[in-house]
Amino acid sequence: MYDQSKQSELIRFARIDAGSTVIDVYPGDGDWTRLFSDVAGPEGRVYGFVPAEVAHFKNDPVGLMRTLAKEPGRENVEPVSADLVAMAEATQPAGVVWLHLFYHDLHTALMQSKGATAAAFNRAVYERLKPGGFYVIVDHAAATGAGTSDTQALHRIDPAFVREEVEAAGFVLEEQGTILANKDDPHAIKVFDPTIKGKTDRFAYRFVKP
């Protein structure tokens, strides 16, 4: 996770506040889910959405979400698991859909194993968001012009390609954040390489549903 100031800035960037309904897609250990739960408060709702495509992982991501939801004060958290493109049917209308270091996975064999595509998922997000709702994507940047060529090997994606794909679903880019930018990242090594792990050049987009 990031330091507290960056966490706070990203939450502000995502326009999450008291009473928000948030869908945290592939929440991992639930660090962001907990933060969103605290901010949304008792009048809000946070869905920890675990795609069925990764539900079999050894760390039991669905079990982690169910355990998190039982923590004191987490009554506003609801764990959900379904096929990736069935997210719209598995959740309620939301004000924010949040993807943290996950969008590139939409272009990997694992996430496409059940027939999901990035285009289909973006349409599902559009369907689930309320008018004026926000689609927030934070991910590892690939080199300019790389498109999706580095999603599998390096876990990176070209920011311009992401913008093009998401706008094709009907979204409008409202703001691009640079808080996680790192101009010294060579963009040519895997994000888990010790020389760059935790320090990759990361882009943040906030799209709005008109």
C-alpha atoms as a PDB file:
ATOM      1  CA  MET A   1       0.000   0.000   0.000  1.00  0.00           C
ATOM      2  CA  TYR A   2       0.932   3.636  -0.348  1.00  0.00           C
ATOM      3  CA  ASP A   3       1.675   6.091   2.423  1.00  0.00           C
ATOM      4  CA  GLN A   4      -1.325   7.681   4.077  1.00  0.00           C
ATOM      5  CA  SER A   5      -1.138  10.926   2.108  1.00  0.00           C
ATOM      6  CA  LYS A   6      -1.260   9.081  -1.213  1.00  0.00           C
ATOM      7  CA  GLN A   7      -4.088   6.856   0.007  1.00  0.00           C
ATOM      8  CA  SER A   8      -6.087   9.929   0.978  1.00  0.00           C
ATOM      9  CA  GLU A   9      -5.365  11.655  -2.312  1.00  0.00           C
ATOM     10  CA  LEU A  10      -6.447   8.602  -4.313  1.00  0.00           C
ATOM     11  CA  ILE A  11      -9.685   8.340  -2.343  1.00  0.00           C
ATOM     12  CA  ARG A  12     -10.367  12.012  -3.082  1.00  0.00           C
ATOM     13  CA  PHE A  13      -9.435  11.414  -6.713  1.00  0.00           C
ATOM     14  CA  ALA A  14     -11.998   8.594  -6.848  1.00  0.00           C
ATOM     15  CA  ARG A  15     -14.666  10.890  -5.370  1.00  0.00           C
ATOM     16  CA  ILE A  16     -15.476   8.433  -2.579  1.00  0.00           C
ATOM     17  CA  ASP A  17     -17.119   9.983   0.464  1.00  0.00           C
ATOM     18  CA  ALA A  18     -19.711   9.304   3.162  1.00  0.00           C
ATOM     19  CA  GLY A  19     -22.679   7.404   1.777  1.00  0.00           C
ATOM     20  CA  SER A  20     -20.907   6.243  -1.390  1.00  0.00           C
ATOM     21  CA  THR A  21     -21.612   2.879  -2.976  1.00  0.00           C
ATOM     22  CA  VAL A  22     -18.330   1.443  -4.248  1.00  0.00           C
ATOM     23  CA  ILE A  23     -17.482  -1.733  -6.158  1.00  0.00           C
ATOM     24  CA  ASP A  24     -13.891  -2.741  -5.407  1.00  0.00           C
ATOM     25  CA  VAL A  25     -12.984  -5.135  -8.237  1.00  0.00           C
ATOM     26  CA  TYR A  26     -10.581  -7.954  -7.318  1.00  0.00           C
ATOM     27  CA  PRO A  27      -9.874  -6.520  -3.859  1.00  0.00           C
ATOM     28  CA  GLY A  28      -6.993  -8.846  -2.957  1.00  0.00           C
ATOM     29  CA  ASP A  29      -6.321  -8.686   0.779  1.00  0.00           C
ATOM     30  CA  GLY A  30      -8.960  -5.988   1.130  1.00  0.00           C
ATOM     31  CA  ASP A  31      -6.775  -3.020   2.037  1.00  0.00           C
ATOM     32  CA  TRP A  32      -8.726  -0.659  -0.219  1.00  0.00           C
ATOM     33  CA  THR A  33     -12.015  -2.260   0.777  1.00  0.00           C
ATOM     34  CA  ARG A  34     -11.338  -1.377   4.404  1.00  0.00           C
ATOM     35  CA  LEU A  35     -10.434   2.206   3.534  1.00  0.00           C
ATOM     36  CA  PHE A  36     -13.557   2.609   1.409  1.00  0.00           C
ATOM     37  CA  SER A  37     -15.658   1.069   4.187  1.00  0.00           C
ATOM     38  CA  ASP A  38     -14.336   3.623   6.659  1.00  0.00           C
ATOM     39  CA  VAL A  39     -15.001   6.538   4.311  1.00  0.00           C
ATOM     40  CA  ALA A  40     -18.428   5.383   3.087  1.00  0.00           C
ATOM     41  CA  GLY A  41     -19.668   4.857   6.633  1.00  0.00           C
ATOM     42  CA  PRO A  42     -22.913   3.244   7.762  1.00  0.00           C
ATOM     43  CA  GLU A  43     -24.968   4.880   4.999  1.00  0.00           C
ATOM     44  CA  GLY A  44     -22.631   3.593   2.296  1.00  0.00           C
ATOM     45  CA  ARG A  45     -21.976   0.197   0.750  1.00  0.00           C
ATOM     46  CA  VAL A  46     -18.749  -1.429  -0.457  1.00  0.00           C
ATOM     47  CA  TYR A  47     -18.839  -4.524  -2.637  1.00  0.00           C
ATOM     48  CA  GLY A  48     -15.714  -6.663  -2.542  1.00  0.00           C
ATOM     49  CA  PHE A  49     -16.133  -8.152  -6.012  1.00  0.00           C
ATOM     50  CA  VAL A  50     -13.996 -11.240  -6.624  1.00  0.00           C
ATOM     51  CA  PRO A  51     -14.129 -12.405 -10.251  1.00  0.00           C
ATOM     52  CA  ALA A  52     -14.922 -16.123 -10.458  1.00  0.00           C
ATOM     53  CA  GLU A  53     -11.910 -16.411 -12.756  1.00  0.00           C
ATOM     54  CA  VAL A  54      -9.608 -15.985  -9.724  1.00  0.00           C
ATOM     55  CA  ALA A  55     -11.793 -17.446  -6.976  1.00  0.00           C
ATOM     56  CA  HIS A  56      -9.781 -20.700  -7.027  1.00  0.00           C
ATOM     57  CA  PHE A  57      -6.500 -19.034  -6.055  1.00  0.00           C
ATOM     58  CA  LYS A  58      -4.702 -20.610  -3.080  1.00  0.00           C
ATOM     59  CA  ASN A  59      -5.086 -17.500  -0.935  1.00  0.00           C
ATOM     60  CA  ASP A  60      -8.896 -17.957  -1.147  1.00  0.00           C
ATOM     61  CA  PRO A  61      -9.840 -14.405  -2.204  1.00  0.00           C
ATOM     62  CA  VAL A  62     -13.551 -15.052  -1.614  1.00  0.00           C
ATOM     63  CA  GLY A  63     -12.853 -16.329   1.885  1.00  0.00           C
ATOM     64  CA  LEU A  64     -10.713 -13.275   2.590  1.00  0.00           C
ATOM     65  CA  MET A  65     -13.614 -11.000   1.655  1.00  0.00           C
ATOM     66  CA  ARG A  66     -16.078 -12.964   3.777  1.00  0.00           C
ATOM     67  CA  THR A  67     -13.743 -12.762   6.756  1.00  0.00           C
ATOM     68  CA  LEU A  68     -13.225  -9.039   6.214  1.00  0.00           C
ATOM     69  CA  ALA A  69     -16.981  -8.449   6.113  1.00  0.00           C
ATOM     70  CA  LYS A  70     -17.248  -9.999   9.585  1.00  0.00           C
ATOM     71  CA  GLU A  71     -14.772  -7.578  11.132  1.00  0.00           C
ATOM     72  CA  PRO A  72     -16.265  -5.112  13.628  1.00  0.00           C
ATOM     73  CA  GLY A  73     -17.637  -2.056  11.864  1.00  0.00           C
ATOM     74  CA  ARG A  74     -17.684  -3.683   8.423  1.00  0.00           C
ATOM     75  CA  GLU A  75     -21.442  -4.074   8.183  1.00  0.00           C
ATOM     76  CA  ASN A  76     -21.337  -1.956   5.021  1.00  0.00           C
ATOM     77  CA  VAL A  77     -19.106  -4.481   3.211  1.00  0.00           C
ATOM     78  CA  GLU A  78     -20.638  -7.168   1.025  1.00  0.00           C
ATOM     79  CA  PRO A  79     -18.456  -9.897  -0.509  1.00  0.00           C
ATOM     80  CA  VAL A  80     -19.554 -10.918  -4.011  1.00  0.00           C
ATOM     81  CA  SER A  81     -18.161 -13.386  -6.519  1.00  0.00           C
ATOM     82  CA  ALA A  82     -19.347 -14.013 -10.069  1.00  0.00           C
ATOM     83  CA  ASP A  83     -17.961 -14.283 -13.572  1.00  0.00           C
ATOM     84  CA  LEU A  84     -16.201 -11.055 -14.431  1.00  0.00           C
ATOM     85  CA  VAL A  85     -18.741  -9.853 -16.977  1.00  0.00           C
ATOM     86  CA  ALA A  86     -21.627 -10.789 -14.634  1.00  0.00           C
ATOM     87  CA  MET A  87     -20.626  -8.041 -12.185  1.00  0.00           C
ATOM     88  CA  ALA A  88     -23.624  -5.925 -13.158  1.00  0.00           C
ATOM     89  CA  GLU A  89     -26.027  -8.718 -12.183  1.00  0.00           C
ATOM     90  CA  ALA A  90     -24.195  -9.506  -8.922  1.00  0.00           C
ATOM     91  CA  THR A  91     -24.146  -5.969  -7.492  1.00  0.00           C
ATOM     92  CA  GLN A  92     -26.415  -2.972  -7.045  1.00  0.00           C
ATOM     93  CA  PRO A  93     -26.107   0.408  -8.819  1.00  0.00           C
ATOM     94  CA  ALA A  94     -22.933   2.127  -7.677  1.00  0.00           C
ATOM     95  CA  GLY A  95     -21.377   5.562  -7.654  1.00  0.00           C
ATOM     96  CA  VAL A  96     -17.798   4.298  -8.077  1.00  0.00           C
ATOM     97  CA  VAL A  97     -16.202   1.233  -9.657  1.00  0.00           C
ATOM     98  CA  TRP A  98     -12.565   0.923  -8.589  1.00  0.00           C
ATOM     99  CA  LEU A  99      -9.821  -1.109 -10.317  1.00  0.00           C
ATOM    100  CA  HIS A 100      -6.402  -0.997  -8.692  1.00  0.00           C
ATOM    101  CA  LEU A 101      -3.555  -2.638 -10.646  1.00  0.00           C
ATOM    102  CA  PHE A 102      -6.051  -4.927 -12.335  1.00  0.00           C
ATOM    103  CA  TYR A 103      -7.136  -3.478 -15.669  1.00  0.00           C
ATOM    104  CA  HIS A 104      -4.142  -4.987 -17.477  1.00  0.00           C
ATOM    105  CA  ASP A 105      -5.337  -8.431 -16.349  1.00  0.00           C
ATOM    106  CA  LEU A 106      -8.417  -8.018 -18.516  1.00  0.00           C
ATOM    107  CA  HIS A 107      -6.072  -8.714 -21.418  1.00  0.00           C
ATOM    108  CA  THR A 108      -4.564 -11.923 -20.002  1.00  0.00           C
ATOM    109  CA  ALA A 109      -5.501 -15.533 -20.732  1.00  0.00           C
ATOM    110  CA  LEU A 110      -6.610 -16.093 -17.130  1.00  0.00           C
ATOM    111  CA  MET A 111      -9.266 -13.391 -17.121  1.00  0.00           C
ATOM    112  CA  GLN A 112     -10.426 -14.342 -20.589  1.00  0.00           C
ATOM    113  CA  SER A 113     -10.704 -18.038 -19.694  1.00  0.00           C
ATOM    114  CA  LYS A 114     -14.496 -17.846 -19.398  1.00  0.00           C
ATOM    115  CA  GLY A 115     -14.935 -15.676 -22.452  1.00  0.00           C
ATOM    116  CA  ALA A 116     -14.609 -12.270 -20.800  1.00  0.00           C
ATOM    117  CA  THR A 117     -13.123  -9.389 -22.755  1.00  0.00           C
ATOM    118  CA  ALA A 118     -12.125  -5.909 -21.673  1.00  0.00           C
ATOM    119  CA  ALA A 119     -14.809  -4.465 -23.935  1.00  0.00           C
ATOM    120  CA  ALA A 120     -17.504  -6.643 -22.343  1.00  0.00           C
ATOM    121  CA  PHE A 121     -16.330  -5.777 -18.843  1.00  0.00           C
ATOM    122  CA  ASN A 122     -16.309  -2.060 -19.609  1.00  0.00           C
ATOM    123  CA  ARG A 123     -19.885  -2.373 -20.816  1.00  0.00           C
ATOM    124  CA  ALA A 124     -20.779  -4.150 -17.558  1.00  0.00           C
ATOM    125  CA  VAL A 125     -19.224  -1.300 -15.586  1.00  0.00           C
ATOM    126  CA  TYR A 126     -21.163   1.234 -17.631  1.00  0.00           C
ATOM    127  CA  GLU A 127     -24.385  -0.659 -16.944  1.00  0.00           C
ATOM    128  CA  ARG A 128     -23.763  -0.887 -13.213  1.00  0.00           C
ATOM    129  CA  LEU A 129     -22.735   2.730 -12.593  1.00  0.00           C
ATOM    130  CA  LYS A 130     -25.330   5.363 -11.877  1.00  0.00           C
ATOM    131  CA  PRO A 131     -25.432   8.342 -14.268  1.00  0.00           C
ATOM    132  CA  GLY A 132     -22.623  10.631 -13.157  1.00  0.00           C
ATOM    133  CA  GLY A 133     -20.823   7.685 -11.560  1.00  0.00           C
ATOM    134  CA  PHE A 134     -17.055   7.206 -11.743  1.00  0.00           C
ATOM    135  CA  TYR A 135     -14.925   4.433 -13.205  1.00  0.00           C
ATOM    136  CA  VAL A 136     -11.492   4.727 -11.591  1.00  0.00           C
ATOM    137  CA  ILE A 137      -8.496   2.825 -12.948  1.00  0.00           C
ATOM    138  CA  VAL A 138      -4.991   2.768 -11.473  1.00  0.00           C
ATOM    139  CA  ASP A 139      -2.427   0.561 -13.203  1.00  0.00           C
ATOM    140  CA  HIS A 140       1.206  -0.018 -14.148  1.00  0.00           C
ATOM    141  CA  ALA A 141       2.163   1.931 -17.255  1.00  0.00           C
ATOM    142  CA  ALA A 142       3.724   0.247 -20.257  1.00  0.00           C
ATOM    143  CA  ALA A 143       5.826   2.087 -22.816  1.00  0.00           C
ATOM    144  CA  THR A 144       4.032   4.499 -25.105  1.00  0.00           C
ATOM    145  CA  GLY A 145       2.606   2.602 -28.056  1.00  0.00           C
ATOM    146  CA  ALA A 146       2.885  -0.811 -26.374  1.00  0.00           C
ATOM    147  CA  GLY A 147      -0.870  -1.330 -26.356  1.00  0.00           C
ATOM    148  CA  THR A 148      -1.561  -4.682 -24.678  1.00  0.00           C
ATOM    149  CA  SER A 149       1.672  -6.408 -25.718  1.00  0.00           C
ATOM    150  CA  ASP A 150       3.120  -6.305 -22.177  1.00  0.00           C
ATOM    151  CA  THR A 151       0.037  -7.287 -20.166  1.00  0.00           C
ATOM    152  CA  GLN A 152       0.961 -10.955 -19.829  1.00  0.00           C
ATOM    153  CA  ALA A 153       4.749 -10.801 -19.491  1.00  0.00           C
ATOM    154  CA  LEU A 154       5.296  -7.501 -17.655  1.00  0.00           C
ATOM    155  CA  HIS A 155       1.845  -6.845 -16.112  1.00  0.00           C
ATOM    156  CA  ARG A 156       1.783  -3.419 -17.743  1.00  0.00           C
ATOM    157  CA  ILE A 157      -0.538  -1.665 -20.178  1.00  0.00           C
ATOM    158  CA  ASP A 158      -0.318   1.454 -22.311  1.00  0.00           C
ATOM    159  CA  PRO A 159      -2.400   4.208 -20.644  1.00  0.00           C
ATOM    160  CA  ALA A 160      -3.488   5.617 -24.008  1.00  0.00           C
ATOM    161  CA  PHE A 161      -4.860   2.218 -24.991  1.00  0.00           C
ATOM    162  CA  VAL A 162      -6.843   1.988 -21.754  1.00  0.00           C
ATOM    163  CA  ARG A 163      -8.355   5.397 -22.374  1.00  0.00           C
ATOM    164  CA  GLU A 164      -9.332   4.429 -25.921  1.00  0.00           C
ATOM    165  CA  GLU A 165     -10.984   1.190 -24.744  1.00  0.00           C
ATOM    166  CA  VAL A 166     -12.912   2.757 -21.889  1.00  0.00           C
ATOM    167  CA  GLU A 167     -14.121   5.713 -23.929  1.00  0.00           C
ATOM    168  CA  ALA A 168     -15.366   3.251 -26.550  1.00  0.00           C
ATOM    169  CA  ALA A 169     -17.817   1.978 -23.912  1.00  0.00           C
ATOM    170  CA  GLY A 170     -19.333   5.461 -23.576  1.00  0.00           C
ATOM    171  CA  PHE A 171     -17.295   6.894 -20.713  1.00  0.00           C
ATOM    172  CA  VAL A 172     -15.746  10.361 -20.677  1.00  0.00           C
ATOM    173  CA  LEU A 173     -12.309  10.953 -19.171  1.00  0.00           C
ATOM    174  CA  GLU A 174     -12.757  13.513 -16.407  1.00  0.00           C
ATOM    175  CA  GLU A 175      -9.296  13.585 -14.867  1.00  0.00           C
ATOM    176  CA  GLN A 176      -5.882  11.954 -15.156  1.00  0.00           C
ATOM    177  CA  GLY A 177      -3.900  11.745 -11.922  1.00  0.00           C
ATOM    178  CA  THR A 178      -0.103  11.851 -11.770  1.00  0.00           C
ATOM    179  CA  ILE A 179       0.408  11.201  -8.046  1.00  0.00           C
ATOM    180  CA  LEU A 180       1.906   7.762  -8.759  1.00  0.00           C
ATOM    181  CA  ALA A 181       3.980   8.732 -11.803  1.00  0.00           C
ATOM    182  CA  ASN A 182       7.651   7.724 -11.903  1.00  0.00           C
ATOM    183  CA  LYS A 183       9.625   9.122 -14.836  1.00  0.00           C
ATOM    184  CA  ASP A 184      12.585   6.890 -13.951  1.00  0.00           C
ATOM    185  CA  ASP A 185      10.680   3.665 -14.634  1.00  0.00           C
ATOM    186  CA  PRO A 186      12.134   2.153 -17.847  1.00  0.00           C
ATOM    187  CA  HIS A 187       8.758   0.469 -18.605  1.00  0.00           C
ATOM    188  CA  ALA A 188      10.610  -2.560 -19.976  1.00  0.00           C
ATOM    189  CA  ILE A 189      10.840  -4.774 -16.891  1.00  0.00           C
ATOM    190  CA  LYS A 190       8.317  -6.857 -15.012  1.00  0.00           C
ATOM    191  CA  VAL A 191       6.543  -5.000 -12.212  1.00  0.00           C
ATOM    192  CA  PHE A 192       7.721  -7.623  -9.697  1.00  0.00           C
ATOM    193  CA  ASP A 193      11.393  -7.086 -10.516  1.00  0.00           C
ATOM    194  CA  PRO A 194      13.159  -6.050  -7.264  1.00  0.00           C
ATOM    195  CA  THR A 195      14.598  -2.961  -8.937  1.00  0.00           C
ATOM    196  CA  ILE A 196      11.143  -1.497  -9.628  1.00  0.00           C
ATOM    197  CA  LYS A 197       8.666  -3.358  -7.408  1.00  0.00           C
ATOM    198  CA  GLY A 198       6.476  -0.867  -5.555  1.00  0.00           C
ATOM    199  CA  LYS A 199       7.915   2.025  -7.570  1.00  0.00           C
ATOM    200  CA  THR A 200       6.463   1.480 -11.042  1.00  0.00           C
ATOM    201  CA  ASP A 201       5.180   4.351 -13.119  1.00  0.00           C
ATOM    202  CA  ARG A 202       1.428   4.209 -12.482  1.00  0.00           C
ATOM    203  CA  PHE A 203      -1.359   6.121 -14.169  1.00  0.00           C
ATOM    204  CA  ALA A 204      -4.720   7.019 -12.628  1.00  0.00           C
ATOM    205  CA  TYR A 205      -7.810   7.723 -14.699  1.00  0.00           C
ATOM    206  CA  ARG A 206     -11.224   8.867 -13.509  1.00  0.00           C
ATOM    207  CA  PHE A 207     -13.893   8.355 -16.130  1.00  0.00           C
ATOM    208  CA  VAL A 208     -17.473   9.485 -15.704  1.00  0.00           C
ATOM    209  CA  LYS A 209     -20.673   7.936 -17.024  1.00  0.00           C
ATOM    210  CA  PRO A 210     -22.568  10.807 -18.692  1.00  0.00           C
END
